[in-house]
Structures are given as structure tokens and as C-alpha cells.
């Protein structure tokens, strides 16, 4: 059974940094696309960043140049390095994984990130 567990969220001042981790159980190598999404209070969930098996990445416009997504297949873990954090980065951050072969999509439970201005 696939499980995604996020960690690393917390409270940080504007301008600070955090690194989120997403630990996956089972078949990490089979996740064709992995990504981070976030949801702020009263807003829809939005894409933060994605990374595919080959290593190519995409970023939401609001985080380009500040956030970096990466994955370590040996550790079954995906990361999101967040620098120069802003108050508008506040929200619950979710880990996502997609398997093409099964057409399945998985979500973690989310981790709260709060940036104080």
C-alpha cells in the first residue's frame, strides 16, 4: 500500500527558509510524476512544483527562483527547499505522486507552513 508522509513544516519569519520532505512507502521508483501542492485558507489547492522520473521540473509562477524540488530515489523521499519565504506562501503543503501504469494518484496528509510577516 502506498503512503506519502510529509514533514518539515512549521512557523518561519518572512525571508526565512524551510525544507519539506515527503517520504514514500512502496514502489517509489514507479511514481512517474511527483509534486507539491499547497492550499491557503479560503483558496483552492494550487500547484507548487513537480518533478518527473527523468528529473525535469516545473514550478508555479509564484515560487520560481525561490523553491527547489528534488527527489532521492535511494531514500524514497522527495524534497521541497523553500527560500525567501513570503507571507503568501502560508498554507498546507501536500505531497502528490502519480503512477502512469496504474493511473493512480496518491496524496499525503499535508504539513502546515506558516510564514509570519
C-alpha atoms as a PDB file:
ATOM      1  CA  UNK A   1       0.000   0.000   0.000  1.00  0.00           C
ATOM      2  CA  UNK A   2       1.343   3.406  -0.956  1.00  0.00           C
ATOM      3  CA  UNK A   3       1.692   6.028   1.740  1.00  0.00           C
ATOM      4  CA  UNK A   4       3.081   9.525   1.446  1.00  0.00           C
ATOM      5  CA  UNK A   5       4.120  11.279   4.654  1.00  0.00           C
ATOM      6  CA  UNK A   6       5.106  14.920   4.681  1.00  0.00           C
ATOM      7  CA  UNK A   7       7.285  16.570   7.297  1.00  0.00           C
ATOM      8  CA  UNK A   8       9.270  19.749   7.806  1.00  0.00           C
ATOM      9  CA  UNK A   9       6.503  22.299   8.035  1.00  0.00           C
ATOM     10  CA  UNK A  10       6.375  24.926  10.730  1.00  0.00           C
ATOM     11  CA  UNK A  11       6.420  28.608  11.574  1.00  0.00           C
ATOM     12  CA  UNK A  12       9.070  30.815   9.996  1.00  0.00           C
ATOM     13  CA  UNK A  13       9.600  34.522   9.555  1.00  0.00           C
ATOM     14  CA  UNK A  14       9.365  36.139   6.161  1.00  0.00           C
ATOM     15  CA  UNK A  15      12.655  35.807   4.334  1.00  0.00           C
ATOM     16  CA  UNK A  16      13.452  32.532   6.045  1.00  0.00           C
ATOM     17  CA  UNK A  17      13.752  29.003   4.710  1.00  0.00           C
ATOM     18  CA  UNK A  18      12.197  25.603   5.256  1.00  0.00           C
ATOM     19  CA  UNK A  19      12.743  22.207   3.708  1.00  0.00           C
ATOM     20  CA  UNK A  20       9.790  19.887   3.326  1.00  0.00           C
ATOM     21  CA  UNK A  21      10.186  16.147   2.937  1.00  0.00           C
ATOM     22  CA  UNK A  22       7.810  13.570   1.510  1.00  0.00           C
ATOM     23  CA  UNK A  23       8.656  10.017   2.480  1.00  0.00           C
ATOM     24  CA  UNK A  24       7.022   7.353   0.346  1.00  0.00           C
ATOM     25  CA  UNK A  25       6.407   3.737   1.155  1.00  0.00           C
ATOM     26  CA  UNK A  26       6.374   1.212  -1.618  1.00  0.00           C
ATOM     27  CA  UNK A  27       7.252   1.478  -5.280  1.00  0.00           C
ATOM     28  CA  UNK A  28       8.833   4.926  -5.155  1.00  0.00           C
ATOM     29  CA  UNK A  29      10.552   4.177  -8.452  1.00  0.00           C
ATOM     30  CA  UNK A  30       7.137   3.725 -10.088  1.00  0.00           C
ATOM     31  CA  UNK A  31       5.994   7.286  -9.432  1.00  0.00           C
ATOM     32  CA  UNK A  32       6.251   8.890 -12.837  1.00  0.00           C
ATOM     33  CA  UNK A  33       5.380  12.346 -11.586  1.00  0.00           C
ATOM     34  CA  UNK A  34       5.697  13.703  -8.062  1.00  0.00           C
ATOM     35  CA  UNK A  35       4.804  17.114  -6.879  1.00  0.00           C
ATOM     36  CA  UNK A  36       3.980  19.570  -4.146  1.00  0.00           C
ATOM     37  CA  UNK A  37       0.703  21.414  -3.928  1.00  0.00           C
ATOM     38  CA  UNK A  38      -0.496  23.910  -1.366  1.00  0.00           C
ATOM     39  CA  UNK A  39      -3.789  25.236  -0.122  1.00  0.00           C
ATOM     40  CA  UNK A  40      -4.215  28.514   1.686  1.00  0.00           C
ATOM     41  CA  UNK A  41      -7.294  29.203   3.818  1.00  0.00           C
ATOM     42  CA  UNK A  42     -10.270  30.003   1.623  1.00  0.00           C
ATOM     43  CA  UNK A  43      -8.385  29.248  -1.578  1.00  0.00           C
ATOM     44  CA  UNK A  44      -8.179  26.350  -3.991  1.00  0.00           C
ATOM     45  CA  UNK A  45      -5.293  23.922  -3.929  1.00  0.00           C
ATOM     46  CA  UNK A  46      -2.573  25.084  -6.304  1.00  0.00           C
ATOM     47  CA  UNK A  47       0.479  23.578  -7.909  1.00  0.00           C
ATOM     48  CA  UNK A  48       3.809  24.470  -6.332  1.00  0.00           C
ATOM     49  CA  UNK A  49       6.243  22.242  -8.200  1.00  0.00           C
ATOM     50  CA  UNK A  50       6.523  18.899  -9.978  1.00  0.00           C
ATOM     51  CA  UNK A  51       9.355  16.561 -10.861  1.00  0.00           C
ATOM     52  CA  UNK A  52       9.292  13.642 -13.262  1.00  0.00           C
ATOM     53  CA  UNK A  53      11.290  10.442 -13.200  1.00  0.00           C
ATOM     54  CA  UNK A  54      13.915  11.862 -15.556  1.00  0.00           C
ATOM     55  CA  UNK A  55      14.458  14.831 -13.268  1.00  0.00           C
ATOM     56  CA  UNK A  56      12.740  17.595 -15.216  1.00  0.00           C
ATOM     57  CA  UNK A  57      10.956  20.090 -13.011  1.00  0.00           C
ATOM     58  CA  UNK A  58       8.204  22.658 -13.272  1.00  0.00           C
ATOM     59  CA  UNK A  59       7.248  25.431 -10.864  1.00  0.00           C
ATOM     60  CA  UNK A  60       4.303  27.637 -10.188  1.00  0.00           C
ATOM     61  CA  UNK A  61       4.954  31.228 -11.214  1.00  0.00           C
ATOM     62  CA  UNK A  62       4.769  32.496  -7.643  1.00  0.00           C
ATOM     63  CA  UNK A  63       7.622  30.261  -6.417  1.00  0.00           C
ATOM     64  CA  UNK A  64      10.018  30.292  -9.370  1.00  0.00           C
ATOM     65  CA  UNK A  65      13.526  31.205  -8.305  1.00  0.00           C
ATOM     66  CA  UNK A  66      12.744  30.647  -4.617  1.00  0.00           C
ATOM     67  CA  UNK A  67      11.729  26.989  -4.312  1.00  0.00           C
ATOM     68  CA  UNK A  68      13.553  23.870  -5.484  1.00  0.00           C
ATOM     69  CA  UNK A  69      12.015  20.420  -5.834  1.00  0.00           C
ATOM     70  CA  UNK A  70      14.124  17.281  -5.806  1.00  0.00           C
ATOM     71  CA  UNK A  71      13.775  13.544  -5.253  1.00  0.00           C
ATOM     72  CA  UNK A  72      16.154  10.957  -3.872  1.00  0.00           C
ATOM     73  CA  UNK A  73      15.179   7.557  -5.208  1.00  0.00           C
ATOM     74  CA  UNK A  74      17.617   5.801  -2.888  1.00  0.00           C
ATOM     75  CA  UNK A  75      15.848   7.292   0.122  1.00  0.00           C
ATOM     76  CA  UNK A  76      12.326   7.086  -1.298  1.00  0.00           C
ATOM     77  CA  UNK A  77      11.964  10.756  -0.487  1.00  0.00           C
ATOM     78  CA  UNK A  78      11.027  13.940  -2.290  1.00  0.00           C
ATOM     79  CA  UNK A  79      12.001  17.377  -1.029  1.00  0.00           C
ATOM     80  CA  UNK A  80      10.954  20.972  -1.403  1.00  0.00           C
ATOM     81  CA  UNK A  81      13.554  23.560  -0.437  1.00  0.00           C
ATOM     82  CA  UNK A  82      11.791  26.847   0.186  1.00  0.00           C
ATOM     83  CA  UNK A  83      13.848  30.030   0.405  1.00  0.00           C
ATOM     84  CA  UNK A  84      12.946  33.700   0.703  1.00  0.00           C
ATOM     85  CA  UNK A  85       9.580  32.746   2.132  1.00  0.00           C
ATOM     86  CA  UNK A  86       6.742  35.230   1.983  1.00  0.00           C
ATOM     87  CA  UNK A  87       3.539  35.535   3.996  1.00  0.00           C
ATOM     88  CA  UNK A  88       1.598  34.455   0.903  1.00  0.00           C
ATOM     89  CA  UNK A  89       3.421  31.111   0.968  1.00  0.00           C
ATOM     90  CA  UNK A  90       1.405  30.206   4.072  1.00  0.00           C
ATOM     91  CA  UNK A  91      -0.771  27.133   3.673  1.00  0.00           C
ATOM     92  CA  UNK A  92      -0.969  23.387   3.944  1.00  0.00           C
ATOM     93  CA  UNK A  93       1.533  21.710   1.653  1.00  0.00           C
ATOM     94  CA  UNK A  94       0.633  18.345   0.156  1.00  0.00           C
ATOM     95  CA  UNK A  95       2.800  15.722  -1.469  1.00  0.00           C
ATOM     96  CA  UNK A  96       1.429  14.097  -4.615  1.00  0.00           C
ATOM     97  CA  UNK A  97       2.506  11.097  -6.668  1.00  0.00           C
ATOM     98  CA  UNK A  98       1.175   9.693  -9.930  1.00  0.00           C
ATOM     99  CA  UNK A  99       1.668   6.244 -11.412  1.00  0.00           C
ATOM    100  CA  UNK A 100       1.037   6.050 -15.129  1.00  0.00           C
ATOM    101  CA  UNK A 101       0.926   2.247 -15.233  1.00  0.00           C
ATOM    102  CA  UNK A 102      -1.986   2.080 -12.767  1.00  0.00           C
ATOM    103  CA  UNK A 103      -3.461   5.529 -13.481  1.00  0.00           C
ATOM    104  CA  UNK A 104      -3.451   6.090  -9.734  1.00  0.00           C
ATOM    105  CA  UNK A 105      -2.758   9.250  -7.836  1.00  0.00           C
ATOM    106  CA  UNK A 106      -1.730   9.475  -4.213  1.00  0.00           C
ATOM    107  CA  UNK A 107      -1.764  12.298  -1.676  1.00  0.00           C
ATOM    108  CA  UNK A 108      -0.125  12.838   1.661  1.00  0.00           C
ATOM    109  CA  UNK A 109      -1.936  14.215   4.679  1.00  0.00           C
ATOM    110  CA  UNK A 110      -0.339  17.643   4.403  1.00  0.00           C
ATOM    111  CA  UNK A 111       2.021  19.727   6.507  1.00  0.00           C
ATOM    112  CA  UNK A 112       1.337  23.271   7.671  1.00  0.00           C
ATOM    113  CA  UNK A 113       3.660  26.076   6.668  1.00  0.00           C
ATOM    114  CA  UNK A 114       3.112  29.455   8.297  1.00  0.00           C
ATOM    115  CA  UNK A 115       5.173  32.482   7.308  1.00  0.00           C
ATOM    116  CA  UNK A 116       4.909  35.477   9.601  1.00  0.00           C
ATOM    117  CA  UNK A 117       5.414  38.934   8.140  1.00  0.00           C
END
